[in-house]
């Protein structure tokens, strides 16, 4: 009985791994073909070290930059956070601000908030945008990576 269970589990594992490989291969092929979402997914996989990809911040930034340059707003915010922290790219607050500006031009809520342009905070309690920006730059790469990987 135990041998049968081991054989069934082995077959299930092989089937799931082969389906997984196709997914990674498909995403890579789409990313290389110019799909901004697939490029962001590749960046996310490298950021988190998931789906058979070894964690690599530079590879993550390279793929995410491709998506951001195509106008994918979440990738633009992701790139801003990477530049704010110097993750996979050279730390550069000015470049980070430029990416936040591009995302804010598309009415992205987080980018607007980080730049101090959200209506909610205006006239409210004093708010430390610099502190919020630092916290956000730590959370965005992980949280946005998870979002990209959930998208179909």
N, C-alpha and C. Protein backbone atom coordinates (compact mmCIF):
# COMPACT_ATOMS: atom_id res chain seq x y z
N UNK A 1 0.82 -1.20 0.00
CA UNK A 1 0.00 0.00 0.00
C UNK A 1 0.87 1.26 0.00
N UNK A 2 1.92 1.26 0.83
CA UNK A 2 2.83 2.42 0.90
C UNK A 2 3.50 2.66 -0.45
N UNK A 3 3.89 1.59 -1.13
CA UNK A 3 4.55 1.71 -2.42
C UNK A 3 3.61 2.37 -3.43
N UNK A 4 2.36 1.99 -3.40
CA UNK A 4 1.37 2.58 -4.31
C UNK A 4 1.21 4.08 -4.03
N UNK A 5 1.16 4.45 -2.75
CA UNK A 5 1.04 5.86 -2.39
C UNK A 5 2.25 6.65 -2.88
N UNK A 6 3.42 6.10 -2.72
CA UNK A 6 4.65 6.77 -3.16
C UNK A 6 4.63 6.94 -4.68
N UNK A 7 4.18 5.90 -5.39
CA UNK A 7 4.13 5.99 -6.84
C UNK A 7 3.13 7.05 -7.29
N UNK A 8 1.98 7.10 -6.67
CA UNK A 8 0.96 8.09 -7.03
C UNK A 8 1.48 9.50 -6.75
N UNK A 9 2.09 9.70 -5.60
CA UNK A 9 2.65 11.02 -5.26
C UNK A 9 3.76 11.42 -6.23
N UNK A 10 4.57 10.47 -6.63
CA UNK A 10 5.64 10.75 -7.59
C UNK A 10 5.08 11.19 -8.93
N UNK A 11 4.07 10.52 -9.40
CA UNK A 11 3.43 10.88 -10.67
C UNK A 11 2.82 12.28 -10.57
N UNK A 12 2.12 12.55 -9.48
CA UNK A 12 1.52 13.87 -9.29
C UNK A 12 2.58 14.96 -9.26
N UNK A 13 3.68 14.69 -8.60
CA UNK A 13 4.77 15.66 -8.53
C UNK A 13 5.35 15.93 -9.92
N UNK A 14 5.58 14.88 -10.69
CA UNK A 14 6.11 15.05 -12.04
C UNK A 14 5.16 15.83 -12.93
N UNK A 15 3.86 15.55 -12.82
CA UNK A 15 2.87 16.26 -13.62
C UNK A 15 2.85 17.74 -13.23
N UNK A 16 2.88 18.03 -11.95
CA UNK A 16 2.84 19.42 -11.51
C UNK A 16 4.11 20.16 -11.92
N UNK A 17 5.27 19.50 -11.85
CA UNK A 17 6.52 20.14 -12.25
C UNK A 17 6.57 20.40 -13.75
N UNK A 18 6.04 19.49 -14.55
CA UNK A 18 6.06 19.71 -16.00
C UNK A 18 5.11 20.85 -16.37
N UNK A 19 3.99 20.97 -15.69
CA UNK A 19 3.08 22.10 -15.91
C UNK A 19 3.71 23.40 -15.49
N UNK A 20 4.46 23.36 -14.43
CA UNK A 20 5.17 24.55 -13.92
C UNK A 20 6.23 25.00 -14.91
N UNK A 21 6.98 24.05 -15.47
CA UNK A 21 8.03 24.39 -16.43
C UNK A 21 7.43 25.06 -17.65
N UNK A 22 6.29 24.54 -18.12
CA UNK A 22 5.62 25.16 -19.27
C UNK A 22 5.23 26.60 -18.94
N UNK A 23 4.76 26.83 -17.73
CA UNK A 23 4.36 28.16 -17.34
C UNK A 23 5.55 29.11 -17.37
N UNK A 24 6.66 28.72 -16.77
CA UNK A 24 7.85 29.55 -16.76
C UNK A 24 8.34 29.79 -18.18
N UNK A 25 8.36 28.73 -18.99
CA UNK A 25 8.79 28.84 -20.37
C UNK A 25 7.87 29.78 -21.14
N UNK A 26 6.57 29.63 -20.93
CA UNK A 26 5.60 30.50 -21.62
C UNK A 26 5.76 31.95 -21.21
N UNK A 27 5.94 32.21 -19.92
CA UNK A 27 6.11 33.58 -19.45
C UNK A 27 7.39 34.18 -20.02
N UNK A 28 8.46 33.42 -20.00
CA UNK A 28 9.73 33.92 -20.55
C UNK A 28 9.59 34.22 -22.04
N UNK A 29 8.94 33.33 -22.77
CA UNK A 29 8.75 33.54 -24.21
C UNK A 29 7.92 34.80 -24.46
N UNK A 30 6.85 34.99 -23.69
CA UNK A 30 6.01 36.18 -23.84
C UNK A 30 6.79 37.44 -23.47
N UNK A 31 7.59 37.36 -22.42
CA UNK A 31 8.39 38.51 -21.99
C UNK A 31 9.41 38.89 -23.06
N UNK A 32 10.08 37.89 -23.61
CA UNK A 32 11.05 38.16 -24.67
C UNK A 32 10.37 38.68 -25.93
N UNK A 33 9.08 38.34 -26.09
CA UNK A 33 8.29 38.82 -27.22
C UNK A 33 7.74 40.22 -27.03
N UNK A 34 7.94 40.79 -25.83
CA UNK A 34 7.54 42.17 -25.62
C UNK A 34 6.32 42.39 -24.75
N UNK A 35 5.75 41.36 -24.17
CA UNK A 35 4.60 41.52 -23.28
C UNK A 35 5.03 42.19 -21.98
N UNK A 36 4.47 43.38 -21.73
CA UNK A 36 4.83 44.12 -20.51
C UNK A 36 4.46 43.34 -19.25
N UNK A 37 3.30 42.71 -19.23
CA UNK A 37 2.90 41.94 -18.05
C UNK A 37 3.83 40.76 -17.84
N UNK A 38 4.20 40.06 -18.90
CA UNK A 38 5.12 38.93 -18.76
C UNK A 38 6.49 39.41 -18.30
N UNK A 39 6.93 40.57 -18.78
CA UNK A 39 8.20 41.13 -18.32
C UNK A 39 8.14 41.44 -16.83
N UNK A 40 7.01 42.01 -16.39
CA UNK A 40 6.84 42.29 -14.96
C UNK A 40 6.82 40.99 -14.15
N UNK A 41 6.20 39.95 -14.69
CA UNK A 41 6.19 38.66 -14.00
C UNK A 41 7.59 38.10 -13.88
N UNK A 42 8.39 38.23 -14.93
CA UNK A 42 9.78 37.77 -14.86
C UNK A 42 10.52 38.56 -13.80
N UNK A 43 10.32 39.88 -13.78
CA UNK A 43 10.95 40.71 -12.75
C UNK A 43 10.52 40.29 -11.36
N UNK A 44 9.24 39.96 -11.22
CA UNK A 44 8.71 39.53 -9.93
C UNK A 44 9.32 38.20 -9.49
N UNK A 45 9.44 37.28 -10.44
CA UNK A 45 10.03 35.98 -10.10
C UNK A 45 11.47 36.14 -9.64
N UNK A 46 12.23 36.98 -10.33
CA UNK A 46 13.62 37.22 -9.91
C UNK A 46 13.67 37.97 -8.59
N UNK A 47 12.73 38.86 -8.35
CA UNK A 47 12.72 39.61 -7.10
C UNK A 47 12.50 38.70 -5.90
N UNK A 48 11.58 37.75 -6.07
CA UNK A 48 11.22 36.87 -4.96
C UNK A 48 11.99 35.54 -4.96
N UNK A 49 12.62 35.21 -6.07
CA UNK A 49 13.26 33.90 -6.18
C UNK A 49 12.22 32.80 -6.22
N UNK A 50 11.26 32.94 -7.11
CA UNK A 50 10.14 32.00 -7.18
C UNK A 50 10.05 31.34 -8.56
N UNK A 51 9.23 30.30 -8.60
CA UNK A 51 8.88 29.60 -9.84
C UNK A 51 10.12 29.07 -10.57
N UNK A 52 11.08 28.58 -9.82
CA UNK A 52 12.25 27.98 -10.42
C UNK A 52 13.32 28.98 -10.82
N UNK A 53 13.17 30.22 -10.42
CA UNK A 53 14.13 31.26 -10.74
C UNK A 53 14.87 31.63 -9.46
N UNK A 54 16.18 31.74 -9.55
CA UNK A 54 16.99 32.12 -8.40
C UNK A 54 16.86 33.63 -8.18
N UNK A 55 16.74 34.04 -6.92
CA UNK A 55 16.60 35.47 -6.61
C UNK A 55 17.80 36.23 -7.17
N UNK A 56 17.48 37.32 -7.91
CA UNK A 56 18.52 38.12 -8.55
C UNK A 56 17.96 39.53 -8.73
N UNK A 57 18.39 40.46 -7.88
CA UNK A 57 17.83 41.82 -7.90
C UNK A 57 18.15 42.55 -9.19
N UNK A 58 19.31 42.31 -9.78
CA UNK A 58 19.65 42.98 -11.03
C UNK A 58 18.79 42.47 -12.18
N UNK A 59 18.59 41.18 -12.26
CA UNK A 59 17.72 40.62 -13.30
C UNK A 59 16.29 41.09 -13.10
N UNK A 60 15.87 41.18 -11.86
CA UNK A 60 14.53 41.68 -11.55
C UNK A 60 14.37 43.10 -12.09
N UNK A 61 15.35 43.95 -11.80
CA UNK A 61 15.29 45.35 -12.25
C UNK A 61 15.31 45.44 -13.77
N UNK A 62 16.11 44.60 -14.42
CA UNK A 62 16.18 44.64 -15.89
C UNK A 62 14.84 44.29 -16.53
N UNK A 63 14.20 43.25 -16.02
CA UNK A 63 12.90 42.86 -16.58
C UNK A 63 11.83 43.90 -16.24
N UNK A 64 11.85 44.39 -15.01
CA UNK A 64 10.83 45.35 -14.60
C UNK A 64 10.98 46.66 -15.38
N UNK A 65 12.20 47.05 -15.67
CA UNK A 65 12.45 48.27 -16.44
C UNK A 65 11.80 48.17 -17.82
N UNK A 66 11.89 47.00 -18.44
CA UNK A 66 11.27 46.80 -19.75
C UNK A 66 9.76 47.04 -19.67
N UNK A 67 9.14 46.51 -18.63
CA UNK A 67 7.70 46.69 -18.46
C UNK A 67 7.36 48.15 -18.15
N UNK A 68 8.16 48.78 -17.31
CA UNK A 68 7.92 50.18 -16.93
C UNK A 68 8.06 51.10 -18.15
N UNK A 69 9.04 50.84 -18.98
CA UNK A 69 9.25 51.67 -20.16
C UNK A 69 8.09 51.55 -21.15
N UNK A 70 7.34 50.46 -21.07
CA UNK A 70 6.16 50.30 -21.92
C UNK A 70 4.92 50.96 -21.31
N UNK A 71 5.07 51.52 -20.12
CA UNK A 71 3.96 52.25 -19.51
C UNK A 71 3.14 51.46 -18.50
N UNK A 72 3.58 50.26 -18.13
CA UNK A 72 2.86 49.49 -17.12
C UNK A 72 3.04 50.20 -15.78
N UNK A 73 1.98 50.80 -15.30
CA UNK A 73 2.07 51.73 -14.17
C UNK A 73 2.63 51.08 -12.91
N UNK A 74 2.21 49.86 -12.60
CA UNK A 74 2.73 49.20 -11.40
C UNK A 74 4.23 48.92 -11.53
N UNK A 75 4.69 48.66 -12.74
CA UNK A 75 6.12 48.45 -12.96
C UNK A 75 6.88 49.77 -12.77
N UNK A 76 6.24 50.89 -13.11
CA UNK A 76 6.87 52.19 -12.90
C UNK A 76 7.05 52.46 -11.41
N UNK A 77 6.04 52.15 -10.63
CA UNK A 77 6.13 52.33 -9.18
C UNK A 77 7.18 51.37 -8.60
N UNK A 78 7.21 50.17 -9.10
CA UNK A 78 8.19 49.17 -8.69
C UNK A 78 9.60 49.70 -8.94
N UNK A 79 9.84 50.23 -10.15
CA UNK A 79 11.16 50.78 -10.48
C UNK A 79 11.51 51.94 -9.56
N UNK A 80 10.54 52.79 -9.26
CA UNK A 80 10.80 53.91 -8.35
C UNK A 80 11.28 53.39 -7.00
N UNK A 81 10.61 52.36 -6.50
CA UNK A 81 11.01 51.79 -5.21
C UNK A 81 12.41 51.19 -5.28
N UNK A 82 12.73 50.54 -6.41
CA UNK A 82 14.07 49.97 -6.55
C UNK A 82 15.14 51.07 -6.52
N UNK A 83 14.88 52.17 -7.21
CA UNK A 83 15.84 53.27 -7.21
C UNK A 83 15.92 53.94 -5.84
N UNK A 84 14.79 54.03 -5.15
CA UNK A 84 14.80 54.60 -3.80
C UNK A 84 15.68 53.79 -2.86
N UNK A 85 15.70 52.47 -3.05
CA UNK A 85 16.46 51.59 -2.15
C UNK A 85 17.80 51.14 -2.71
N UNK A 86 18.02 51.33 -4.00
CA UNK A 86 19.25 50.84 -4.61
C UNK A 86 19.25 49.32 -4.72
N UNK A 87 18.11 48.75 -5.07
CA UNK A 87 17.97 47.29 -5.20
C UNK A 87 18.09 46.89 -6.67
N UNK A 88 19.22 46.32 -7.04
CA UNK A 88 19.42 45.88 -8.41
C UNK A 88 19.77 47.02 -9.36
N UNK A 89 19.71 48.23 -8.86
CA UNK A 89 20.07 49.44 -9.60
C UNK A 89 20.83 50.35 -8.64
N UNK A 90 21.52 51.33 -9.17
CA UNK A 90 22.23 52.27 -8.31
C UNK A 90 21.21 53.19 -7.63
N UNK A 91 21.37 53.37 -6.34
CA UNK A 91 20.48 54.25 -5.57
C UNK A 91 20.46 55.64 -6.21
N UNK A 92 19.25 56.12 -6.55
CA UNK A 92 19.12 57.43 -7.17
C UNK A 92 17.72 57.97 -6.89
N UNK A 93 17.63 58.89 -5.94
CA UNK A 93 16.33 59.45 -5.54
C UNK A 93 15.69 60.23 -6.69
N UNK A 94 16.50 60.91 -7.50
CA UNK A 94 15.94 61.68 -8.61
C UNK A 94 15.29 60.76 -9.65
N UNK A 95 15.95 59.66 -9.97
CA UNK A 95 15.38 58.71 -10.91
C UNK A 95 14.13 58.07 -10.32
N UNK A 96 14.17 57.77 -9.03
CA UNK A 96 12.99 57.23 -8.36
C UNK A 96 11.82 58.20 -8.48
N UNK A 97 12.08 59.46 -8.23
CA UNK A 97 11.03 60.48 -8.32
C UNK A 97 10.48 60.57 -9.74
N UNK A 98 11.34 60.45 -10.74
CA UNK A 98 10.88 60.48 -12.13
C UNK A 98 9.91 59.33 -12.42
N UNK A 99 10.23 58.14 -11.87
CA UNK A 99 9.32 57.00 -12.08
C UNK A 99 8.01 57.22 -11.33
N UNK A 100 8.08 57.75 -10.10
CA UNK A 100 6.83 58.05 -9.38
C UNK A 100 6.01 59.08 -10.15
N UNK A 101 6.68 60.05 -10.76
CA UNK A 101 5.99 61.09 -11.55
C UNK A 101 5.25 60.46 -12.73
N UNK A 102 5.89 59.53 -13.42
CA UNK A 102 5.25 58.86 -14.55
C UNK A 102 4.01 58.10 -14.10
N UNK A 103 4.11 57.44 -12.96
CA UNK A 103 2.96 56.69 -12.45
C UNK A 103 1.87 57.65 -11.96
N UNK A 104 2.26 58.73 -11.34
CA UNK A 104 1.29 59.73 -10.86
C UNK A 104 0.53 60.35 -12.04
N UNK A 105 1.21 60.52 -13.16
CA UNK A 105 0.56 61.07 -14.35
C UNK A 105 -0.57 60.15 -14.84
N UNK A 106 -0.49 58.87 -14.45
CA UNK A 106 -1.54 57.90 -14.78
C UNK A 106 -2.53 57.73 -13.63
N UNK A 107 -2.45 58.64 -12.66
CA UNK A 107 -3.37 58.67 -11.50
C UNK A 107 -3.18 57.47 -10.58
N UNK A 108 -1.98 56.94 -10.49
CA UNK A 108 -1.71 55.81 -9.60
C UNK A 108 -1.72 56.32 -8.16
N UNK A 109 -2.58 55.77 -7.32
CA UNK A 109 -2.79 56.24 -5.96
C UNK A 109 -1.54 56.23 -5.09
N UNK A 110 -0.79 55.16 -5.12
CA UNK A 110 0.41 55.09 -4.29
C UNK A 110 1.43 56.13 -4.72
N UNK A 111 1.63 56.29 -6.03
CA UNK A 111 2.58 57.28 -6.52
C UNK A 111 2.13 58.69 -6.12
N UNK A 112 0.85 58.95 -6.26
CA UNK A 112 0.33 60.27 -5.86
C UNK A 112 0.57 60.51 -4.37
N UNK A 113 0.32 59.49 -3.56
CA UNK A 113 0.52 59.64 -2.11
C UNK A 113 1.99 59.86 -1.77
N UNK A 114 2.87 59.11 -2.40
CA UNK A 114 4.30 59.24 -2.11
C UNK A 114 4.81 60.63 -2.50
N UNK A 115 4.23 61.19 -3.56
CA UNK A 115 4.62 62.53 -3.99
C UNK A 115 3.87 63.63 -3.24
N UNK A 116 2.99 63.23 -2.33
CA UNK A 116 2.25 64.21 -1.54
C UNK A 116 1.11 64.87 -2.29
N UNK A 117 0.56 64.16 -3.26
CA UNK A 117 -0.49 64.75 -4.10
C UNK A 117 -1.85 64.09 -3.94
N UNK A 118 -2.01 63.32 -2.89
CA UNK A 118 -3.32 62.69 -2.69
C UNK A 118 -4.23 63.64 -1.94
N UNK A 119 -5.48 63.71 -2.36
CA UNK A 119 -6.43 64.64 -1.75
C UNK A 119 -6.75 64.29 -0.31
N UNK A 120 -6.65 63.05 0.06
CA UNK A 120 -6.98 62.62 1.42
C UNK A 120 -6.09 63.31 2.45
N UNK A 121 -4.80 63.38 2.17
CA UNK A 121 -3.86 63.94 3.14
C UNK A 121 -3.87 65.47 3.16
N UNK A 122 -4.35 66.10 2.08
CA UNK A 122 -4.34 67.55 2.03
C UNK A 122 -5.25 68.11 3.11
N UNK A 123 -4.71 69.05 3.87
CA UNK A 123 -5.52 69.70 4.91
C UNK A 123 -5.72 68.84 6.13
N UNK A 124 -5.18 67.65 6.14
CA UNK A 124 -5.35 66.75 7.28
C UNK A 124 -4.22 66.91 8.27
N UNK A 125 -4.02 65.91 9.04
CA UNK A 125 -2.96 65.88 10.04
C UNK A 125 -1.62 65.96 9.32
N UNK A 126 -0.66 66.62 9.94
CA UNK A 126 0.67 66.71 9.35
C UNK A 126 1.17 65.31 9.02
N UNK A 127 1.75 65.17 7.85
CA UNK A 127 2.13 63.87 7.35
C UNK A 127 3.58 63.90 6.90
N UNK A 128 4.33 62.90 7.23
CA UNK A 128 5.73 62.83 6.86
C UNK A 128 5.86 61.98 5.60
N UNK A 129 5.89 62.65 4.43
CA UNK A 129 5.96 61.94 3.16
C UNK A 129 7.28 61.22 2.97
N UNK A 130 8.36 61.78 3.48
CA UNK A 130 9.66 61.13 3.34
C UNK A 130 9.66 59.79 4.06
N UNK A 131 9.11 59.76 5.25
CA UNK A 131 9.02 58.52 6.02
C UNK A 131 8.13 57.50 5.30
N UNK A 132 7.00 57.99 4.76
CA UNK A 132 6.10 57.10 4.04
C UNK A 132 6.79 56.53 2.80
N UNK A 133 7.56 57.36 2.11
CA UNK A 133 8.25 56.92 0.90
C UNK A 133 9.26 55.83 1.22
N UNK A 134 9.98 55.98 2.30
CA UNK A 134 10.96 54.97 2.71
C UNK A 134 10.27 53.65 3.04
N UNK A 135 9.17 53.72 3.80
CA UNK A 135 8.42 52.50 4.13
C UNK A 135 7.87 51.84 2.87
N UNK A 136 7.31 52.67 1.99
CA UNK A 136 6.71 52.14 0.76
C UNK A 136 7.76 51.47 -0.10
N UNK A 137 8.95 52.06 -0.19
CA UNK A 137 9.99 51.48 -1.05
C UNK A 137 10.45 50.12 -0.53
N UNK A 138 10.25 49.86 0.74
CA UNK A 138 10.59 48.54 1.30
C UNK A 138 9.51 47.51 1.00
N UNK A 139 8.25 47.96 0.94
CA UNK A 139 7.13 47.04 0.76
C UNK A 139 6.78 46.79 -0.70
N UNK A 140 6.93 47.80 -1.53
CA UNK A 140 6.47 47.71 -2.92
C UNK A 140 7.07 46.54 -3.68
N UNK A 141 8.40 46.34 -3.68
CA UNK A 141 8.92 45.22 -4.49
C UNK A 141 8.30 43.86 -4.15
N UNK A 142 8.12 43.58 -2.90
CA UNK A 142 7.55 42.28 -2.51
C UNK A 142 6.05 42.23 -2.82
N UNK A 143 5.32 43.25 -2.40
CA UNK A 143 3.86 43.24 -2.60
C UNK A 143 3.48 43.29 -4.08
N UNK A 144 4.13 44.12 -4.84
CA UNK A 144 3.82 44.21 -6.27
C UNK A 144 4.25 42.95 -7.00
N UNK A 145 5.35 42.33 -6.57
CA UNK A 145 5.76 41.06 -7.17
C UNK A 145 4.67 40.02 -7.01
N UNK A 146 4.12 39.94 -5.81
CA UNK A 146 3.05 38.98 -5.57
C UNK A 146 1.83 39.29 -6.44
N UNK A 147 1.51 40.57 -6.59
CA UNK A 147 0.37 40.96 -7.45
C UNK A 147 0.61 40.54 -8.89
N UNK A 148 1.81 40.82 -9.41
CA UNK A 148 2.10 40.46 -10.80
C UNK A 148 1.96 38.96 -11.01
N UNK A 149 2.44 38.18 -10.07
CA UNK A 149 2.41 36.72 -10.23
C UNK A 149 1.00 36.15 -10.13
N UNK A 150 0.07 36.89 -9.52
CA UNK A 150 -1.33 36.44 -9.46
C UNK A 150 -2.11 36.79 -10.71
N UNK A 151 -1.63 37.73 -11.50
CA UNK A 151 -2.36 38.17 -12.69
C UNK A 151 -2.30 37.13 -13.79
N UNK A 152 -3.37 37.07 -14.52
CA UNK A 152 -3.46 36.13 -15.67
C UNK A 152 -3.24 36.87 -16.96
